[in-house]
Amino acid sequence: VTYNPKLAKKQKYEIKKEVEQARLLKASQAKKSEYGD
């Protein structure tokens, strides 16, 4: 098992971005196929 602080920072940014995108798509009542990652 490895922990990489730089990778953690990058992945946390990506998680935040994906969650924000999911919230926006939910608010706009997007289709399931539009959600992607």
PDB file of all heavy atoms in Angstrom:
ATOM      1  N   VAL A   1       0.858  -1.181   0.000  1.00  0.00           N
ATOM      2  CA  VAL A   1       0.000   0.000   0.000  1.00  0.00           C
ATOM      3  C   VAL A   1       0.891   1.228   0.000  1.00  0.00           C
ATOM      4  O   VAL A   1       1.839   1.312   0.787  1.00  0.00           O
ATOM      5  CB  VAL A   1      -0.915   0.028   1.249  1.00  0.00           C
ATOM      6  CG1 VAL A   1      -1.819   1.248   1.221  1.00  0.00           C
ATOM      7  CG2 VAL A   1      -1.733  -1.248   1.341  1.00  0.00           C
ATOM      8  N   THR A   2       0.580   2.158  -0.890  1.00  0.00           N
ATOM      9  CA  THR A   2       1.322   3.416  -0.921  1.00  0.00           C
ATOM     10  C   THR A   2       0.351   4.581  -0.778  1.00  0.00           C
ATOM     11  O   THR A   2      -0.820   4.479  -1.147  1.00  0.00           O
ATOM     12  CB  THR A   2       2.109   3.593  -2.240  1.00  0.00           C
ATOM     13  OG1 THR A   2       1.207   3.546  -3.342  1.00  0.00           O
ATOM     14  CG2 THR A   2       3.173   2.519  -2.388  1.00  0.00           C
ATOM     15  N   TYR A   3       0.865   5.648  -0.208  1.00  0.00           N
ATOM     16  CA  TYR A   3       0.122   6.905  -0.125  1.00  0.00           C
ATOM     17  C   TYR A   3       1.013   7.981  -0.718  1.00  0.00           C
ATOM     18  O   TYR A   3       2.153   8.173  -0.289  1.00  0.00           O
ATOM     19  CB  TYR A   3      -0.239   7.264   1.317  1.00  0.00           C
ATOM     20  CG  TYR A   3      -0.847   8.637   1.410  1.00  0.00           C
ATOM     21  CD1 TYR A   3      -2.165   8.850   1.031  1.00  0.00           C
ATOM     22  CD2 TYR A   3      -0.093   9.726   1.819  1.00  0.00           C
ATOM     23  CE1 TYR A   3      -2.719  10.122   1.074  1.00  0.00           C
ATOM     24  CE2 TYR A   3      -0.644  10.996   1.871  1.00  0.00           C
ATOM     25  CZ  TYR A   3      -1.956  11.185   1.495  1.00  0.00           C
ATOM     26  OH  TYR A   3      -2.500  12.440   1.524  1.00  0.00           O
ATOM     27  N   ASN A   4       0.482   8.698  -1.720  1.00  0.00           N
ATOM     28  CA  ASN A   4       1.229   9.745  -2.392  1.00  0.00           C
ATOM     29  C   ASN A   4       0.500  11.068  -2.167  1.00  0.00           C
ATOM     30  O   ASN A   4      -0.626  11.241  -2.643  1.00  0.00           O
ATOM     31  CB  ASN A   4       1.322   9.421  -3.887  1.00  0.00           C
ATOM     32  CG  ASN A   4       2.131  10.425  -4.658  1.00  0.00           C
ATOM     33  OD1 ASN A   4       2.055  11.618  -4.419  1.00  0.00           O
ATOM     34  ND2 ASN A   4       2.901   9.936  -5.612  1.00  0.00           N
ATOM     35  N   PRO A   5       1.098  12.015  -1.430  1.00  0.00           N
ATOM     36  CA  PRO A   5       0.419  13.282  -1.134  1.00  0.00           C
ATOM     37  C   PRO A   5       0.047  14.087  -2.387  1.00  0.00           C
ATOM     38  O   PRO A   5      -1.014  14.700  -2.434  1.00  0.00           O
ATOM     39  CB  PRO A   5       1.434  14.060  -0.288  1.00  0.00           C
ATOM     40  CG  PRO A   5       2.445  13.080   0.155  1.00  0.00           C
ATOM     41  CD  PRO A   5       2.409  11.932  -0.792  1.00  0.00           C
ATOM     42  N   LYS A   6       0.910  14.069  -3.411  1.00  0.00           N
ATOM     43  CA  LYS A   6       0.584  14.793  -4.648  1.00  0.00           C
ATOM     44  C   LYS A   6      -0.595  14.151  -5.367  1.00  0.00           C
ATOM     45  O   LYS A   6      -1.476  14.840  -5.877  1.00  0.00           O
ATOM     46  CB  LYS A   6       1.798  14.853  -5.576  1.00  0.00           C
ATOM     47  CG  LYS A   6       2.868  15.808  -5.111  1.00  0.00           C
ATOM     48  CD  LYS A   6       4.009  15.877  -6.106  1.00  0.00           C
ATOM     49  CE  LYS A   6       5.069  16.838  -5.632  1.00  0.00           C
ATOM     50  NZ  LYS A   6       6.201  16.909  -6.554  1.00  0.00           N
ATOM     51  N   LEU A   7      -0.619  12.823  -5.391  1.00  0.00           N
ATOM     52  CA  LEU A   7      -1.742  12.108  -6.003  1.00  0.00           C
ATOM     53  C   LEU A   7      -3.021  12.377  -5.229  1.00  0.00           C
ATOM     54  O   LEU A   7      -4.093  12.563  -5.814  1.00  0.00           O
ATOM     55  CB  LEU A   7      -1.453  10.609  -6.063  1.00  0.00           C
ATOM     56  CG  LEU A   7      -2.558   9.724  -6.637  1.00  0.00           C
ATOM     57  CD1 LEU A   7      -2.851  10.094  -8.091  1.00  0.00           C
ATOM     58  CD2 LEU A   7      -2.162   8.253  -6.529  1.00  0.00           C
ATOM     59  N   ALA A   8      -2.917  12.435  -3.896  1.00  0.00           N
ATOM     60  CA  ALA A   8      -4.093  12.712  -3.055  1.00  0.00           C
ATOM     61  C   ALA A   8      -4.680  14.072  -3.397  1.00  0.00           C
ATOM     62  O   ALA A   8      -5.903  14.218  -3.542  1.00  0.00           O
ATOM     63  CB  ALA A   8      -3.722  12.650  -1.579  1.00  0.00           C
ATOM     64  N   LYS A   9      -3.830  15.064  -3.540  1.00  0.00           N
ATOM     65  CA  LYS A   9      -4.289  16.416  -3.868  1.00  0.00           C
ATOM     66  C   LYS A   9      -5.002  16.414  -5.224  1.00  0.00           C
ATOM     67  O   LYS A   9      -6.079  16.995  -5.372  1.00  0.00           O
ATOM     68  CB  LYS A   9      -3.095  17.373  -3.878  1.00  0.00           C
ATOM     69  CG  LYS A   9      -3.457  18.813  -4.082  1.00  0.00           C
ATOM     70  CD  LYS A   9      -2.218  19.710  -3.990  1.00  0.00           C
ATOM     71  CE  LYS A   9      -2.605  21.164  -4.215  1.00  0.00           C
ATOM     72  NZ  LYS A   9      -1.445  22.042  -4.123  1.00  0.00           N
ATOM     73  N   LYS A  10      -4.409  15.754  -6.202  1.00  0.00           N
ATOM     74  CA  LYS A  10      -4.996  15.673  -7.547  1.00  0.00           C
ATOM     75  C   LYS A  10      -6.343  14.948  -7.508  1.00  0.00           C
ATOM     76  O   LYS A  10      -7.331  15.406  -8.089  1.00  0.00           O
ATOM     77  CB  LYS A  10      -4.033  14.949  -8.487  1.00  0.00           C
ATOM     78  CG  LYS A  10      -4.573  14.744  -9.887  1.00  0.00           C
ATOM     79  CD  LYS A  10      -3.578  13.955 -10.736  1.00  0.00           C
ATOM     80  CE  LYS A  10      -4.145  13.726 -12.111  1.00  0.00           C
ATOM     81  NZ  LYS A  10      -4.314  12.343 -12.444  1.00  0.00           N
ATOM     82  N   GLN A  11      -6.391  13.811  -6.814  1.00  0.00           N
ATOM     83  CA  GLN A  11      -7.623  13.032  -6.759  1.00  0.00           C
ATOM     84  C   GLN A  11      -8.727  13.766  -5.995  1.00  0.00           C
ATOM     85  O   GLN A  11      -9.897  13.688  -6.374  1.00  0.00           O
ATOM     86  CB  GLN A  11      -7.358  11.651  -6.149  1.00  0.00           C
ATOM     87  CG  GLN A  11      -6.593  10.752  -7.086  1.00  0.00           C
ATOM     88  CD  GLN A  11      -6.261   9.408  -6.482  1.00  0.00           C
ATOM     89  OE1 GLN A  11      -6.253   9.219  -5.261  1.00  0.00           O
ATOM     90  NE2 GLN A  11      -5.951   8.445  -7.334  1.00  0.00           N
ATOM     91  N   LYS A  12      -8.378  14.484  -4.943  1.00  0.00           N
ATOM     92  CA  LYS A  12      -9.383  15.260  -4.209  1.00  0.00           C
ATOM     93  C   LYS A  12      -9.976  16.348  -5.093  1.00  0.00           C
ATOM     94  O   LYS A  12     -11.182  16.610  -5.054  1.00  0.00           O
ATOM     95  CB  LYS A  12      -8.783  15.862  -2.932  1.00  0.00           C
ATOM     96  CG  LYS A  12      -8.565  14.838  -1.849  1.00  0.00           C
ATOM     97  CD  LYS A  12      -7.883  15.437  -0.633  1.00  0.00           C
ATOM     98  CE  LYS A  12      -7.619  14.365   0.405  1.00  0.00           C
ATOM     99  NZ  LYS A  12      -6.924  14.872   1.581  1.00  0.00           N
ATOM    100  N   TYR A  13      -9.145  16.973  -5.907  1.00  0.00           N
ATOM    101  CA  TYR A  13      -9.626  17.975  -6.860  1.00  0.00           C
ATOM    102  C   TYR A  13     -10.579  17.333  -7.862  1.00  0.00           C
ATOM    103  O   TYR A  13     -11.647  17.870  -8.155  1.00  0.00           O
ATOM    104  CB  TYR A  13      -8.436  18.619  -7.577  1.00  0.00           C
ATOM    105  CG  TYR A  13      -8.855  19.511  -8.719  1.00  0.00           C
ATOM    106  CD1 TYR A  13      -9.339  20.799  -8.483  1.00  0.00           C
ATOM    107  CD2 TYR A  13      -8.794  19.067 -10.034  1.00  0.00           C
ATOM    108  CE1 TYR A  13      -9.745  21.618  -9.520  1.00  0.00           C
ATOM    109  CE2 TYR A  13      -9.194  19.876 -11.084  1.00  0.00           C
ATOM    110  CZ  TYR A  13      -9.672  21.145 -10.827  1.00  0.00           C
ATOM    111  OH  TYR A  13     -10.079  21.943 -11.862  1.00  0.00           O
ATOM    112  N   GLU A  14     -10.206  16.147  -8.381  1.00  0.00           N
ATOM    113  CA  GLU A  14     -11.046  15.443  -9.352  1.00  0.00           C
ATOM    114  C   GLU A  14     -12.371  15.016  -8.729  1.00  0.00           C
ATOM    115  O   GLU A  14     -13.420  15.104  -9.374  1.00  0.00           O
ATOM    116  CB  GLU A  14     -10.305  14.241  -9.920  1.00  0.00           C
ATOM    117  CG  GLU A  14      -9.155  14.625 -10.836  1.00  0.00           C
ATOM    118  CD  GLU A  14      -8.245  13.463 -11.195  1.00  0.00           C
ATOM    119  OE1 GLU A  14      -8.404  12.347 -10.647  1.00  0.00           O
ATOM    120  OE2 GLU A  14      -7.360  13.672 -12.042  1.00  0.00           O
ATOM    121  N   ILE A  15     -12.338  14.568  -7.474  1.00  0.00           N
ATOM    122  CA  ILE A  15     -13.563  14.175  -6.777  1.00  0.00           C
ATOM    123  C   ILE A  15     -14.491  15.376  -6.653  1.00  0.00           C
ATOM    124  O   ILE A  15     -15.684  15.295  -6.958  1.00  0.00           O
ATOM    125  CB  ILE A  15     -13.245  13.576  -5.385  1.00  0.00           C
ATOM    126  CG1 ILE A  15     -12.568  12.214  -5.537  1.00  0.00           C
ATOM    127  CG2 ILE A  15     -14.498  13.478  -4.517  1.00  0.00           C
ATOM    128  CD1 ILE A  15     -11.909  11.695  -4.269  1.00  0.00           C
ATOM    129  N   LYS A  16     -13.930  16.500  -6.201  1.00  0.00           N
ATOM    130  CA  LYS A  16     -14.720  17.719  -6.031  1.00  0.00           C
ATOM    131  C   LYS A  16     -15.362  18.131  -7.358  1.00  0.00           C
ATOM    132  O   LYS A  16     -16.543  18.480  -7.416  1.00  0.00           O
ATOM    133  CB  LYS A  16     -13.836  18.841  -5.486  1.00  0.00           C
ATOM    134  CG  LYS A  16     -14.570  20.116  -5.178  1.00  0.00           C
ATOM    135  CD  LYS A  16     -13.632  21.162  -4.589  1.00  0.00           C
ATOM    136  CE  LYS A  16     -14.380  22.457  -4.371  1.00  0.00           C
ATOM    137  NZ  LYS A  16     -13.511  23.518  -3.909  1.00  0.00           N
ATOM    138  N   LYS A  17     -14.581  18.064  -8.426  1.00  0.00           N
ATOM    139  CA  LYS A  17     -15.064  18.436  -9.754  1.00  0.00           C
ATOM    140  C   LYS A  17     -16.200  17.503 -10.210  1.00  0.00           C
ATOM    141  O   LYS A  17     -17.220  17.966 -10.735  1.00  0.00           O
ATOM    142  CB  LYS A  17     -13.889  18.384 -10.740  1.00  0.00           C
ATOM    143  CG  LYS A  17     -14.129  19.014 -12.074  1.00  0.00           C
ATOM    144  CD  LYS A  17     -12.807  19.129 -12.821  1.00  0.00           C
ATOM    145  CE  LYS A  17     -12.964  18.589 -14.211  1.00  0.00           C
ATOM    146  NZ  LYS A  17     -11.748  18.592 -14.987  1.00  0.00           N
ATOM    147  N   GLU A  18     -16.036  16.199 -10.004  1.00  0.00           N
ATOM    148  CA  GLU A  18     -17.063  15.231 -10.405  1.00  0.00           C
ATOM    149  C   GLU A  18     -18.336  15.404  -9.586  1.00  0.00           C
ATOM    150  O   GLU A  18     -19.449  15.290 -10.119  1.00  0.00           O
ATOM    151  CB  GLU A  18     -16.534  13.802 -10.290  1.00  0.00           C
ATOM    152  CG  GLU A  18     -15.531  13.456 -11.364  1.00  0.00           C
ATOM    153  CD  GLU A  18     -14.933  12.073 -11.207  1.00  0.00           C
ATOM    154  OE1 GLU A  18     -15.194  11.389 -10.187  1.00  0.00           O
ATOM    155  OE2 GLU A  18     -14.182  11.657 -12.110  1.00  0.00           O
ATOM    156  N   VAL A  19     -18.199  15.682  -8.291  1.00  0.00           N
ATOM    157  CA  VAL A  19     -19.378  15.895  -7.435  1.00  0.00           C
ATOM    158  C   VAL A  19     -20.117  17.152  -7.878  1.00  0.00           C
ATOM    159  O   VAL A  19     -21.348  17.148  -7.981  1.00  0.00           O
ATOM    160  CB  VAL A  19     -18.974  15.975  -5.938  1.00  0.00           C
ATOM    161  CG1 VAL A  19     -20.129  16.455  -5.076  1.00  0.00           C
ATOM    162  CG2 VAL A  19     -18.482  14.611  -5.453  1.00  0.00           C
ATOM    163  N   GLU A  20     -19.375  18.219  -8.147  1.00  0.00           N
ATOM    164  CA  GLU A  20     -20.006  19.458  -8.629  1.00  0.00           C
ATOM    165  C   GLU A  20     -20.750  19.215  -9.942  1.00  0.00           C
ATOM    166  O   GLU A  20     -21.873  19.686 -10.124  1.00  0.00           O
ATOM    167  CB  GLU A  20     -18.960  20.564  -8.814  1.00  0.00           C
ATOM    168  CG  GLU A  20     -18.431  21.131  -7.512  1.00  0.00           C
ATOM    169  CD  GLU A  20     -17.260  22.092  -7.719  1.00  0.00           C
ATOM    170  OE1 GLU A  20     -16.912  22.421  -8.870  1.00  0.00           O
ATOM    171  OE2 GLU A  20     -16.683  22.506  -6.693  1.00  0.00           O
ATOM    172  N   GLN A  21     -20.121  18.450 -10.837  1.00  0.00           N
ATOM    173  CA  GLN A  21     -20.764  18.135 -12.108  1.00  0.00           C
ATOM    174  C   GLN A  21     -22.038  17.317 -11.882  1.00  0.00           C
ATOM    175  O   GLN A  21     -23.068  17.581 -12.505  1.00  0.00           O
ATOM    176  CB  GLN A  21     -19.816  17.362 -13.023  1.00  0.00           C
ATOM    177  CG  GLN A  21     -20.452  17.016 -14.368  1.00  0.00           C
ATOM    178  CD  GLN A  21     -19.542  16.191 -15.262  1.00  0.00           C
ATOM    179  OE1 GLN A  21     -18.458  15.781 -14.867  1.00  0.00           O
ATOM    180  NE2 GLN A  21     -19.996  15.938 -16.473  1.00  0.00           N
ATOM    181  N   ALA A  22     -21.984  16.353 -10.986  1.00  0.00           N
ATOM    182  CA  ALA A  22     -23.160  15.531 -10.688  1.00  0.00           C
ATOM    183  C   ALA A  22     -24.293  16.386 -10.123  1.00  0.00           C
ATOM    184  O   ALA A  22     -25.456  16.215 -10.492  1.00  0.00           O
ATOM    185  CB  ALA A  22     -22.794  14.418  -9.713  1.00  0.00           C
ATOM    186  N   ARG A  23     -23.949  17.319  -9.225  1.00  0.00           N
ATOM    187  CA  ARG A  23     -24.979  18.198  -8.651  1.00  0.00           C
ATOM    188  C   ARG A  23     -25.615  19.084  -9.727  1.00  0.00           C
ATOM    189  O   ARG A  23     -26.824  19.281  -9.748  1.00  0.00           O
ATOM    190  CB  ARG A  23     -24.388  19.058  -7.537  1.00  0.00           C
ATOM    191  CG  ARG A  23     -24.042  18.274  -6.282  1.00  0.00           C
ATOM    192  CD  ARG A  23     -23.709  19.194  -5.109  1.00  0.00           C
ATOM    193  NE  ARG A  23     -23.024  18.530  -4.040  1.00  0.00           N
ATOM    194  CZ  ARG A  23     -23.571  17.708  -3.153  1.00  0.00           C
ATOM    195  NH1 ARG A  23     -24.838  17.421  -3.213  1.00  0.00           N
ATOM    196  NH2 ARG A  23     -22.845  17.161  -2.190  1.00  0.00           N
ATOM    197  N   LEU A  24     -24.795  19.611 -10.634  1.00  0.00           N
ATOM    198  CA  LEU A  24     -25.329  20.438 -11.729  1.00  0.00           C
ATOM    199  C   LEU A  24     -26.224  19.624 -12.658  1.00  0.00           C
ATOM    200  O   LEU A  24     -27.298  20.090 -13.063  1.00  0.00           O
ATOM    201  CB  LEU A  24     -24.188  21.069 -12.531  1.00  0.00           C
ATOM    202  CG  LEU A  24     -23.413  22.185 -11.846  1.00  0.00           C
ATOM    203  CD1 LEU A  24     -22.188  22.576 -12.671  1.00  0.00           C
ATOM    204  CD2 LEU A  24     -24.300  23.402 -11.621  1.00  0.00           C
ATOM    205  N   LEU A  25     -25.791  18.421 -12.990  1.00  0.00           N
ATOM    206  CA  LEU A  25     -26.588  17.570 -13.873  1.00  0.00           C
ATOM    207  C   LEU A  25     -27.899  17.159 -13.204  1.00  0.00           C
ATOM    208  O   LEU A  25     -28.939  17.098 -13.854  1.00  0.00           O
ATOM    209  CB  LEU A  25     -25.779  16.341 -14.295  1.00  0.00           C
ATOM    210  CG  LEU A  25     -24.643  16.628 -15.267  1.00  0.00           C
ATOM    211  CD1 LEU A  25     -23.718  15.419 -15.392  1.00  0.00           C
ATOM    212  CD2 LEU A  25     -25.185  17.014 -16.638  1.00  0.00           C
ATOM    213  N   LYS A  26     -27.836  16.899 -11.889  1.00  0.00           N
ATOM    214  CA  LYS A  26     -29.051  16.553 -11.150  1.00  0.00           C
ATOM    215  C   LYS A  26     -30.017  17.729 -11.174  1.00  0.00           C
ATOM    216  O   LYS A  26     -31.214  17.565 -11.425  1.00  0.00           O
ATOM    217  CB  LYS A  26     -28.711  16.181  -9.713  1.00  0.00           C
ATOM    218  CG  LYS A  26     -29.929  15.832  -8.862  1.00  0.00           C
ATOM    219  CD  LYS A  26     -29.502  15.542  -7.425  1.00  0.00           C
ATOM    220  CE  LYS A  26     -30.681  15.224  -6.551  1.00  0.00           C
ATOM    221  NZ  LYS A  26     -31.516  16.351  -6.217  1.00  0.00           N
ATOM    222  N   ALA A  27     -29.502  18.937 -10.948  1.00  0.00           N
ATOM    223  CA  ALA A  27     -30.340  20.138 -10.929  1.00  0.00           C
ATOM    224  C   ALA A  27     -30.983  20.399 -12.290  1.00  0.00           C
ATOM    225  O   ALA A  27     -32.106  20.875 -12.369  1.00  0.00           O
ATOM    226  CB  ALA A  27     -29.518  21.350 -10.495  1.00  0.00           C
ATOM    227  N   SER A  28     -30.263  20.057 -13.359  1.00  0.00           N
ATOM    228  CA  SER A  28     -30.808  20.302 -14.699  1.00  0.00           C
ATOM    229  C   SER A  28     -31.596  19.106 -15.229  1.00  0.00           C
ATOM    230  O   SER A  28     -32.007  19.096 -16.377  1.00  0.00           O
ATOM    231  CB  SER A  28     -29.681  20.654 -15.677  1.00  0.00           C
ATOM    232  OG  SER A  28     -28.857  19.514 -15.888  1.00  0.00           O
ATOM    233  N   GLN A  29     -31.765  18.079 -14.375  1.00  0.00           N
ATOM    234  CA  GLN A  29     -32.523  16.874 -14.722  1.00  0.00           C
ATOM    235  C   GLN A  29     -31.962  16.208 -15.974  1.00  0.00           C
ATOM    236  O   GLN A  29     -32.691  15.831 -16.888  1.00  0.00           O
ATOM    237  CB  GLN A  29     -34.009  17.194 -14.873  1.00  0.00           C
ATOM    238  CG  GLN A  29     -34.613  17.708 -13.595  1.00  0.00           C
ATOM    239  CD  GLN A  29     -36.092  18.029 -13.730  1.00  0.00           C
ATOM    240  OE1 GLN A  29     -36.621  18.156 -14.821  1.00  0.00           O
ATOM    241  NE2 GLN A  29     -36.759  18.139 -12.594  1.00  0.00           N
ATOM    242  N   ALA A  30     -30.658  16.067 -16.003  1.00  0.00           N
ATOM    243  CA  ALA A  30     -29.969  15.444 -17.139  1.00  0.00           C
ATOM    244  C   ALA A  30     -30.278  13.953 -17.203  1.00  0.00           C
ATOM    245  O   ALA A  30     -30.691  13.340 -16.214  1.00  0.00           O
ATOM    246  CB  ALA A  30     -28.472  15.658 -17.008  1.00  0.00           C
ATOM    247  N   LYS A  31     -30.054  13.383 -18.352  1.00  0.00           N
ATOM    248  CA  LYS A  31     -30.231  11.945 -18.554  1.00  0.00           C
ATOM    249  C   LYS A  31     -29.057  11.202 -17.932  1.00  0.00           C
ATOM    250  O   LYS A  31     -27.948  11.732 -17.832  1.00  0.00           O
ATOM    251  CB  LYS A  31     -30.294  11.626 -20.044  1.00  0.00           C
ATOM    252  CG  LYS A  31     -31.494  12.219 -20.741  1.00  0.00           C
ATOM    253  CD  LYS A  31     -31.431  11.892 -22.220  1.00  0.00           C
ATOM    254  CE  LYS A  31     -32.576  12.586 -22.940  1.00  0.00           C
ATOM    255  NZ  LYS A  31     -32.486  12.395 -24.389  1.00  0.00           N
ATOM    256  N   LYS A  32     -29.300   9.948 -17.561  1.00  0.00           N
ATOM    257  CA  LYS A  32     -28.266   9.128 -16.937  1.00  0.00           C
ATOM    258  C   LYS A  32     -27.021   9.046 -17.818  1.00  0.00           C
ATOM    259  O   LYS A  32     -25.901   9.094 -17.321  1.00  0.00           O
ATOM    260  CB  LYS A  32     -28.820   7.727 -16.669  1.00  0.00           C
ATOM    261  CG  LYS A  32     -27.879   6.819 -15.934  1.00  0.00           C
ATOM    262  CD  LYS A  32     -28.516   5.478 -15.625  1.00  0.00           C
ATOM    263  CE  LYS A  32     -27.566   4.589 -14.846  1.00  0.00           C
ATOM    264  NZ  LYS A  32     -28.177   3.307 -14.509  1.00  0.00           N
ATOM    265  N   SER A  33     -27.186   8.970 -19.109  1.00  0.00           N
ATOM    266  CA  SER A  33     -26.055   8.836 -20.029  1.00  0.00           C
ATOM    267  C   SER A  33     -25.170  10.079 -20.055  1.00  0.00           C
ATOM    268  O   SER A  33     -24.034  10.025 -20.511  1.00  0.00           O
ATOM    269  CB  SER A  33     -26.561   8.537 -21.440  1.00  0.00           C
ATOM    270  OG  SER A  33     -27.376   9.594 -21.905  1.00  0.00           O
ATOM    271  N   GLU A  34     -25.647  11.205 -19.550  1.00  0.00           N
ATOM    272  CA  GLU A  34     -24.883  12.454 -19.567  1.00  0.00           C
ATOM    273  C   GLU A  34     -23.946  12.598 -18.359  1.00  0.00           C
ATOM    274  O   GLU A  34     -23.102  13.493 -18.339  1.00  0.00           O
ATOM    275  CB  GLU A  34     -25.834  13.653 -19.608  1.00  0.00           C
ATOM    276  CG  GLU A  34     -26.678  13.704 -20.878  1.00  0.00           C
ATOM    277  CD  GLU A  34     -27.664  14.852 -20.864  1.00  0.00           C
ATOM    278  OE1 GLU A  34     -27.199  16.006 -20.904  1.00  0.00           O
ATOM    279  OE2 GLU A  34     -28.881  14.582 -20.812  1.00  0.00           O
ATOM    280  N   TYR A  35     -24.076  11.744 -17.371  1.00  0.00           N
ATOM    281  CA  TYR A  35     -23.307  11.889 -16.138  1.00  0.00           C
ATOM    282  C   TYR A  35     -21.843  11.484 -16.273  1.00  0.00           C
ATOM    283  O   TYR A  35     -20.990  12.017 -15.577  1.00  0.00           O
ATOM    284  CB  TYR A  35     -23.963  11.093 -15.001  1.00  0.00           C
ATOM    285  CG  TYR A  35     -25.118  11.816 -14.361  1.00  0.00           C
ATOM    286  CD1 TYR A  35     -26.373  11.823 -14.954  1.00  0.00           C
ATOM    287  CD2 TYR A  35     -24.952  12.506 -13.175  1.00  0.00           C
ATOM    288  CE1 TYR A  35     -27.435  12.490 -14.373  1.00  0.00           C
ATOM    289  CE2 TYR A  35     -26.000  13.177 -12.570  1.00  0.00           C
ATOM    290  CZ  TYR A  35     -27.240  13.167 -13.184  1.00  0.00           C
ATOM    291  OH  TYR A  35     -28.281  13.833 -12.601  1.00  0.00           O
ATOM    292  N   GLY A  36     -21.530  10.541 -17.140  1.00  0.00           N
ATOM    293  CA  GLY A  36     -20.146  10.097 -17.302  1.00  0.00           C
ATOM    294  C   GLY A  36     -19.556   9.613 -15.994  1.00  0.00           C
ATOM    295  O   GLY A  36     -20.195   8.904 -15.220  1.00  0.00           O
ATOM    296  N   ASP A  37     -18.307  10.033 -15.689  1.00  0.00           N
ATOM    297  CA  ASP A  37     -17.608   9.599 -14.475  1.00  0.00           C
ATOM    298  C   ASP A  37     -18.285  10.077 -13.196  1.00  0.00           C
ATOM    299  O   ASP A  37     -18.120   9.476 -12.137  1.00  0.00           O
ATOM    300  CB  ASP A  37     -16.158  10.087 -14.483  1.00  0.00           C
ATOM    301  CG  ASP A  37     -15.300   9.362 -15.505  1.00  0.00           C
ATOM    302  OD1 ASP A  37     -15.704   8.266 -15.948  1.00  0.00           O
ATOM    303  OD2 ASP A  37     -14.229   9.884 -15.850  1.00  0.00           O
TER     304      ASP A  37
END
